[in-house]
Amino acid sequence: MSRQSKWVLSIVLLVVFCTSFPVMTNAQGYTETESFSSVSYSIKPGDTLYGIAKKFYLTGDYEQVARTNGLDPKVSLKAGTALKLSNPLVLDQYTVKQGDTLYAITNHYFNRIYYMNALMAYNHITEADLKADMALRVPLPAGELKYTVHKGDTLYSLSTKYFKVQDYQQMIAKVNGIETASASIKAGQVVQIPNPFYSIEDCAGIAGPVETAAATPPASTSTSAKLVSIEIDITRNKLYVIAGGAVEKSFDIASGRKKGSTPTGSFEIITKIKNPWYMAKEIPGGDPKNPLGSRWLGLSVPNTQGTKYGIHGTNAPSSIGTNASAGCIRMLNKDVEWLFSTVPTGTKVKIHA
């Protein structure tokens, strides 16, 4: 790839990965982070909203794509129109050419120039010079870390320290079911390029049949592919997983201790985080003292972007079945881990008293 092409690619990646890490805060003041990215997709002849949702989100929830872009889902798409796809699971589909290696493909999408641009975008930096004691948020494939700039630090030195193309190569291999990161790939093979800021578990459904944006919804839903939704009763402190119109599983939960602290209404799961951090007290994900437990599923409560209210685990299992939270839905860690691995982003969630 020529130097000019690399710079063009870096600019495109900066647009695609102008990713921010909103702070998740509840009434108690604890915070959690999640990565967001927006991809611009140009509609092609024959594309459908359903097909685009299946290709990039793996759910077929075309209404979510329509709402994000202010479109009427009943109206046909116009070729050439640009769509904004927020936080997709899949960034692109790459068809392998003769002589390609997984390392070269990875470096095509994720390189040091991209990482330096991303560092600037995440931290709203317009000048490349870093100041000592500046607090930075450093993006990683599985989340982020906080970093205090030392004298002599540069964007390049930070990219050298934290950007490892092998991490991204391994991620692409795992989500595509490629045995090892060094395994050979064949010309004509389609490689899915995942969003690097989702967990591997969240991207597990990527390595299936390649979806096209021209796909149409199935004529009917079979029992093997039931539509799944979630219903939460905060009076009984119960969460129900609904599949095909029937309750498939139920769980005890904890909800808001104050009346009205847990939002009611119809929402969607729009963020998923494995081992969320408890930022208020600098407790890392996976620590047994972390009050968010092992998983976070953020809800589309208006003006929160899935960062304030969610379904999460707990380090206080005795609170389950009571009104104990500041507004979120608590579950036992084993229960929220099952839910996390079972339901995708886009899943409908109804909360009522």
Protein backbone atom coordinates (compact mmCIF):
# COMPACT_ATOMS: atom_id res chain seq x y z
CA MET A 1 0.00 0.00 0.00
CA SER A 2 1.42 3.42 -0.95
CA ARG A 3 2.14 6.13 1.62
CA GLN A 4 -0.66 8.27 0.16
CA SER A 5 -3.09 5.35 0.41
CA LYS A 6 -2.10 4.81 4.04
CA TRP A 7 -2.81 8.44 4.87
CA VAL A 8 -6.18 8.26 3.10
CA LEU A 9 -6.93 5.08 5.04
CA SER A 10 -5.93 6.72 8.32
CA ILE A 11 -8.32 9.60 7.64
CA VAL A 12 -11.13 7.17 6.85
CA LEU A 13 -10.39 5.21 10.00
CA LEU A 14 -10.38 8.39 12.05
CA VAL A 15 -13.88 9.14 10.77
CA VAL A 16 -15.01 5.56 11.34
CA PHE A 17 -13.41 5.25 14.75
CA CYS A 18 -14.06 8.71 16.19
CA THR A 19 -14.92 6.73 19.24
CA SER A 20 -15.74 8.22 22.60
CA PHE A 21 -15.95 6.50 25.93
CA PRO A 22 -18.98 8.00 27.71
CA VAL A 23 -18.88 7.73 31.47
CA MET A 24 -21.58 5.56 33.01
CA THR A 25 -22.79 7.15 36.21
CA ASN A 26 -25.65 6.24 38.50
CA ALA A 27 -27.11 8.10 41.44
CA GLN A 28 -24.45 6.66 43.75
CA GLY A 29 -21.72 8.17 41.62
CA TYR A 30 -20.07 5.03 40.33
CA THR A 31 -19.11 5.00 36.72
CA GLU A 32 -18.48 2.58 33.91
CA THR A 33 -17.14 2.98 30.43
CA GLU A 34 -18.02 1.63 27.04
CA SER A 35 -16.70 2.33 23.61
CA PHE A 36 -18.82 3.73 20.81
CA SER A 37 -18.03 4.07 17.15
CA SER A 38 -20.03 5.31 14.18
CA VAL A 39 -19.61 3.84 10.72
CA SER A 40 -20.81 5.58 7.59
CA TYR A 41 -22.39 3.20 5.08
CA SER A 42 -23.36 4.16 1.53
CA ILE A 43 -26.58 2.48 0.44
CA LYS A 44 -26.22 0.27 -2.62
CA PRO A 45 -28.94 -0.76 -5.10
CA GLY A 46 -31.04 -3.54 -3.59
CA ASP A 47 -30.07 -2.80 0.03
CA THR A 48 -32.73 -3.12 2.71
CA LEU A 49 -32.75 -1.86 6.30
CA TYR A 50 -33.19 -5.43 7.49
CA GLY A 51 -30.19 -6.61 5.47
CA ILE A 52 -28.02 -3.76 6.73
CA ALA A 53 -28.99 -4.52 10.34
CA LYS A 54 -28.19 -8.22 9.85
CA LYS A 55 -24.85 -7.43 8.23
CA PHE A 56 -23.56 -4.94 10.79
CA TYR A 57 -25.50 -5.79 13.99
CA LEU A 58 -26.36 -9.48 13.41
CA THR A 59 -29.89 -8.90 14.72
CA GLY A 60 -32.06 -7.82 11.79
CA ASP A 61 -33.45 -5.01 13.95
CA TYR A 62 -34.07 -2.67 11.03
CA GLU A 63 -36.16 -0.32 13.17
CA GLN A 64 -33.07 0.65 15.18
CA VAL A 65 -31.20 1.61 11.99
CA ALA A 66 -34.26 3.52 10.76
CA ARG A 67 -34.61 5.49 14.00
CA THR A 68 -30.93 6.41 14.11
CA ASN A 69 -31.16 7.86 10.61
CA GLY A 70 -34.67 9.34 10.78
CA LEU A 71 -35.99 7.00 8.10
CA ASP A 72 -39.44 5.55 7.52
CA PRO A 73 -38.87 1.76 7.50
CA LYS A 74 -41.74 1.36 5.03
CA VAL A 75 -40.04 3.53 2.40
CA SER A 76 -37.47 2.01 0.02
CA LEU A 77 -33.85 3.08 0.43
CA LYS A 78 -32.23 5.39 -2.09
CA ALA A 79 -28.90 4.19 -3.48
CA GLY A 80 -26.02 6.53 -2.67
CA THR A 81 -27.54 7.81 0.57
CA ALA A 82 -25.18 7.66 3.56
CA LEU A 83 -26.38 5.91 6.71
CA LYS A 84 -24.90 6.32 10.18
CA LEU A 85 -24.44 2.99 11.93
CA SER A 86 -23.81 3.51 15.64
CA ASN A 87 -21.71 0.98 17.53
CA PRO A 88 -21.93 -1.89 15.00
CA LEU A 89 -20.57 -5.32 15.83
CA VAL A 90 -19.15 -5.67 12.31
CA LEU A 91 -17.12 -2.86 10.73
CA ASP A 92 -16.51 -4.42 7.33
CA GLN A 93 -16.34 -7.63 5.32
CA TYR A 94 -13.05 -8.22 3.51
CA THR A 95 -12.68 -10.68 0.62
CA VAL A 96 -9.25 -12.30 0.78
CA LYS A 97 -7.03 -11.81 -2.28
CA GLN A 98 -4.22 -14.05 -3.49
CA GLY A 99 -1.16 -13.54 -1.29
CA ASP A 100 -3.05 -11.92 1.60
CA THR A 101 -2.16 -12.83 5.16
CA LEU A 102 -4.22 -12.25 8.28
CA TYR A 103 -1.47 -9.96 9.57
CA ALA A 104 -1.60 -7.81 6.42
CA ILE A 105 -5.40 -7.59 6.57
CA THR A 106 -5.25 -6.61 10.24
CA ASN A 107 -2.64 -3.95 9.53
CA HIS A 108 -4.85 -2.62 6.73
CA TYR A 109 -7.62 -1.81 9.21
CA PHE A 110 -5.72 -1.26 12.46
CA ASN A 111 -2.31 0.42 12.37
CA ARG A 112 -0.23 2.84 14.44
CA ILE A 113 -1.42 5.89 12.50
CA TYR A 114 -5.01 4.88 13.22
CA TYR A 115 -4.17 4.43 16.89
CA MET A 116 -2.56 7.87 17.25
CA ASN A 117 -5.59 9.45 15.55
CA ALA A 118 -7.88 7.47 17.83
CA LEU A 119 -6.00 8.66 20.94
CA MET A 120 -6.56 12.25 19.83
CA ALA A 121 -10.22 11.69 19.02
CA TYR A 122 -11.00 9.86 22.29
CA ASN A 123 -9.41 12.60 24.35
CA HIS A 124 -10.62 15.57 22.25
CA ILE A 125 -7.02 16.58 21.56
CA THR A 126 -6.49 18.95 18.64
CA GLU A 127 -2.74 19.44 19.12
CA ALA A 128 -0.38 16.47 18.91
CA ASP A 129 1.85 17.79 21.73
CA LEU A 130 1.04 16.16 25.07
CA LYS A 131 1.40 18.05 28.35
CA ALA A 132 2.84 16.43 31.47
CA ASP A 133 0.18 15.36 34.00
CA MET A 134 -2.52 15.36 31.32
CA ALA A 135 -5.09 12.61 32.04
CA LEU A 136 -5.73 10.40 29.03
CA ARG A 137 -8.14 7.57 28.32
CA VAL A 138 -6.25 4.91 26.41
CA PRO A 139 -8.40 2.63 24.20
CA LEU A 140 -7.74 -1.09 24.15
CA PRO A 141 -9.51 -3.91 22.27
CA ALA A 142 -11.32 -4.93 25.48
CA GLY A 143 -12.00 -1.47 26.93
CA GLU A 144 -9.75 1.34 28.12
CA LEU A 145 -7.33 2.38 30.85
CA LYS A 146 -6.54 5.70 32.47
CA TYR A 147 -3.07 7.13 31.90
CA THR A 148 -1.29 10.20 33.27
CA VAL A 149 1.10 11.75 30.76
CA HIS A 150 4.76 11.89 31.83
CA LYS A 151 7.34 14.37 30.63
CA GLY A 152 8.60 13.25 27.23
CA ASP A 153 5.52 11.20 26.33
CA THR A 154 4.28 11.55 22.75
CA LEU A 155 1.39 10.10 20.82
CA TYR A 156 3.91 7.93 19.02
CA SER A 157 5.47 6.59 22.23
CA LEU A 158 2.02 5.78 23.61
CA SER A 159 1.04 4.02 20.39
CA THR A 160 4.28 2.02 20.61
CA LYS A 161 3.42 1.01 24.16
CA TYR A 162 -0.29 0.26 23.83
CA PHE A 163 -0.96 -0.56 20.17
CA LYS A 164 -0.07 -4.17 19.39
CA VAL A 165 -1.25 -5.28 15.97
CA GLN A 166 -1.04 -8.88 17.18
CA ASP A 167 -3.89 -8.20 19.65
CA TYR A 168 -6.14 -7.09 16.80
CA GLN A 169 -4.96 -9.97 14.59
CA GLN A 170 -5.87 -12.45 17.32
CA MET A 171 -9.27 -10.78 17.72
CA ILE A 172 -10.05 -11.10 13.99
CA ALA A 173 -8.93 -14.74 14.03
CA LYS A 174 -11.15 -15.61 16.99
CA VAL A 175 -14.35 -14.03 15.72
CA ASN A 176 -13.89 -15.63 12.29
CA GLY A 177 -13.27 -19.10 13.70
CA ILE A 178 -9.71 -19.15 12.36
CA GLU A 179 -7.77 -21.68 14.42
CA THR A 180 -4.71 -19.53 15.11
CA ALA A 181 -3.70 -15.97 14.29
CA SER A 182 -0.91 -17.33 12.08
CA ALA A 183 -3.14 -19.77 10.19
CA SER A 184 -3.30 -19.45 6.42
CA ILE A 185 -6.36 -18.01 4.72
CA LYS A 186 -7.64 -18.69 1.22
CA ALA A 187 -8.31 -16.33 -1.67
CA GLY A 188 -12.04 -15.67 -1.91
CA GLN A 189 -12.60 -16.24 1.79
CA VAL A 190 -14.66 -13.48 3.43
CA VAL A 191 -13.20 -12.18 6.69
CA GLN A 192 -15.46 -10.25 9.04
CA ILE A 193 -13.76 -7.22 10.61
CA PRO A 194 -15.20 -6.84 14.12
CA ASN A 195 -15.53 -3.71 16.21
CA PRO A 196 -12.39 -4.00 18.39
CA PHE A 197 -14.12 -2.48 21.40
CA TYR A 198 -16.58 -5.31 21.91
CA SER A 199 -15.62 -8.41 23.84
CA ILE A 200 -14.94 -11.63 21.94
CA GLU A 201 -18.06 -13.14 23.54
CA ASP A 202 -20.17 -10.28 22.22
CA CYS A 203 -18.84 -10.88 18.69
CA ALA A 204 -19.30 -14.65 18.88
CA GLY A 205 -22.12 -14.64 16.33
CA ILE A 206 -20.02 -13.00 13.63
CA ALA A 207 -18.38 -16.20 12.37
CA GLY A 208 -21.49 -17.49 10.63
CA PRO A 209 -22.88 -17.21 7.10
CA VAL A 210 -21.98 -13.84 5.59
CA GLU A 211 -25.00 -11.56 5.47
CA THR A 212 -25.63 -9.17 2.61
CA ALA A 213 -27.26 -5.79 2.99
CA ALA A 214 -29.87 -6.86 0.42
CA ALA A 215 -31.30 -9.57 2.67
CA THR A 216 -35.01 -9.57 3.45
CA PRO A 217 -36.76 -10.57 6.68
CA PRO A 218 -37.83 -14.21 6.95
CA ALA A 219 -41.46 -14.84 6.06
CA SER A 220 -42.10 -16.37 9.47
CA THR A 221 -40.26 -17.05 12.71
CA SER A 222 -39.58 -20.73 13.39
CA THR A 223 -39.32 -22.19 16.88
CA SER A 224 -35.57 -22.58 16.31
CA ALA A 225 -35.21 -18.84 15.71
CA LYS A 226 -37.67 -17.30 18.17
CA LEU A 227 -37.86 -13.56 18.69
CA VAL A 228 -36.43 -12.91 22.15
CA SER A 229 -37.39 -10.00 24.41
CA ILE A 230 -37.09 -9.17 28.10
CA GLU A 231 -39.79 -8.13 30.56
CA ILE A 232 -38.90 -6.75 33.99
CA ASP A 233 -41.42 -6.46 36.82
CA ILE A 234 -39.95 -4.13 39.44
CA THR A 235 -42.83 -4.78 41.86
CA ARG A 236 -42.08 -8.50 42.01
CA ASN A 237 -38.37 -7.96 41.28
CA LYS A 238 -38.45 -10.48 38.45
CA LEU A 239 -36.85 -10.54 34.99
CA TYR A 240 -38.46 -12.70 32.31
CA VAL A 241 -36.87 -13.80 29.05
CA ILE A 242 -39.64 -14.11 26.46
CA ALA A 243 -39.06 -16.33 23.41
CA GLY A 244 -41.74 -16.86 20.78
CA GLY A 245 -44.31 -15.17 23.02
CA ALA A 246 -43.73 -17.51 25.97
CA VAL A 247 -41.61 -17.19 29.12
CA GLU A 248 -38.45 -19.22 28.56
CA LYS A 249 -36.56 -18.24 31.73
CA SER A 250 -37.11 -16.07 34.80
CA PHE A 251 -34.66 -14.55 37.27
CA ASP A 252 -34.82 -12.78 40.61
CA ILE A 253 -33.41 -9.24 40.46
CA ALA A 254 -32.87 -6.14 42.59
CA SER A 255 -34.33 -2.83 41.42
CA GLY A 256 -34.30 0.79 42.60
CA ARG A 257 -34.61 1.31 46.33
CA LYS A 258 -36.43 4.62 45.85
CA LYS A 259 -39.77 4.82 44.08
CA GLY A 260 -39.27 6.05 40.52
CA SER A 261 -35.51 5.51 40.51
CA THR A 262 -35.76 2.65 38.01
CA PRO A 263 -37.08 3.94 34.68
CA THR A 264 -40.17 2.25 33.28
CA GLY A 265 -41.15 1.88 29.64
CA SER A 266 -39.91 0.16 26.51
CA PHE A 267 -36.17 0.19 25.79
CA GLU A 268 -33.47 -1.77 23.96
CA ILE A 269 -30.12 -3.20 24.96
CA ILE A 270 -27.62 -0.96 23.18
CA THR A 271 -24.32 -1.62 25.00
CA LYS A 272 -22.73 -4.77 26.40
CA ILE A 273 -19.57 -4.83 28.54
CA LYS A 274 -17.71 -7.77 30.02
CA ASN A 275 -16.13 -7.15 33.44
CA PRO A 276 -17.06 -3.44 33.72
CA TRP A 277 -14.88 -1.11 35.78
CA TYR A 278 -16.07 0.68 38.93
CA MET A 279 -14.37 3.97 38.11
CA ALA A 280 -15.43 5.95 41.21
CA LYS A 281 -13.12 3.85 43.38
CA GLU A 282 -10.78 2.61 40.63
CA ILE A 283 -11.95 -0.99 41.05
CA PRO A 284 -11.10 -2.95 37.90
CA GLY A 285 -13.44 -5.31 36.12
CA GLY A 286 -13.34 -8.81 37.55
CA ASP A 287 -12.42 -7.63 41.06
CA PRO A 288 -14.72 -9.29 43.65
CA LYS A 289 -15.24 -5.86 45.25
CA ASN A 290 -16.71 -4.42 42.03
CA PRO A 291 -20.40 -3.54 42.65
CA LEU A 292 -21.21 -3.86 38.93
CA GLY A 293 -20.40 -7.54 38.95
CA SER A 294 -19.24 -9.36 35.84
CA ARG A 295 -21.45 -7.92 33.07
CA TRP A 296 -23.22 -4.72 31.95
CA LEU A 297 -26.09 -4.50 29.44
CA GLY A 298 -26.89 -0.83 28.87
CA LEU A 299 -30.46 0.31 28.15
CA SER A 300 -31.63 2.93 25.66
CA VAL A 301 -33.15 5.23 28.26
CA PRO A 302 -33.48 8.63 26.50
CA ASN A 303 -30.42 10.90 26.65
CA THR A 304 -28.21 8.27 28.32
CA GLN A 305 -26.77 6.31 25.33
CA GLY A 306 -26.85 3.13 27.37
CA THR A 307 -24.42 4.60 29.88
CA LYS A 308 -26.56 5.30 32.96
CA TYR A 309 -29.18 2.60 33.34
CA GLY A 310 -28.56 -1.05 32.67
CA ILE A 311 -28.79 -4.67 33.73
CA HIS A 312 -25.64 -5.72 35.58
CA GLY A 313 -24.18 -8.19 38.04
CA THR A 314 -23.44 -7.57 41.70
CA ASN A 315 -20.98 -8.15 44.51
CA ALA A 316 -23.88 -8.26 46.98
CA PRO A 317 -25.90 -11.37 46.09
CA SER A 318 -28.02 -11.02 49.23
CA SER A 319 -29.58 -7.87 47.73
CA ILE A 320 -31.25 -9.85 44.94
CA GLY A 321 -35.01 -9.93 45.38
CA THR A 322 -35.08 -6.55 47.13
CA ASN A 323 -35.25 -2.87 46.25
CA ALA A 324 -31.58 -2.05 46.73
CA SER A 325 -30.11 -0.35 43.66
CA ALA A 326 -29.83 3.29 42.66
CA GLY A 327 -31.97 2.59 39.58
CA CYS A 328 -30.27 -0.19 37.64
CA ILE A 329 -31.36 -3.82 37.48
CA ARG A 330 -29.08 -6.13 39.46
CA MET A 331 -28.74 -9.85 38.82
CA LEU A 332 -26.60 -12.61 40.24
CA ASN A 333 -23.38 -12.80 38.24
CA LYS A 334 -24.13 -16.29 36.91
CA ASP A 335 -27.56 -15.09 35.76
CA VAL A 336 -26.37 -11.91 34.06
CA GLU A 337 -23.59 -13.89 32.37
CA TRP A 338 -26.21 -16.22 30.88
CA LEU A 339 -28.26 -13.24 29.75
CA PHE A 340 -25.19 -11.50 28.31
CA SER A 341 -24.28 -14.54 26.20
CA THR A 342 -27.88 -15.19 25.12
CA VAL A 343 -29.37 -11.87 24.02
CA PRO A 344 -27.83 -9.53 21.42
CA THR A 345 -27.78 -5.75 21.29
CA GLY A 346 -31.12 -4.57 19.93
CA THR A 347 -33.09 -6.87 22.26
CA LYS A 348 -36.33 -5.20 23.42
CA VAL A 349 -36.70 -4.63 27.16
CA LYS A 350 -39.97 -3.65 28.83
CA ILE A 351 -39.83 -2.44 32.44
CA HIS A 352 -43.02 -1.98 34.46
CA ALA A 353 -44.21 -1.79 38.05
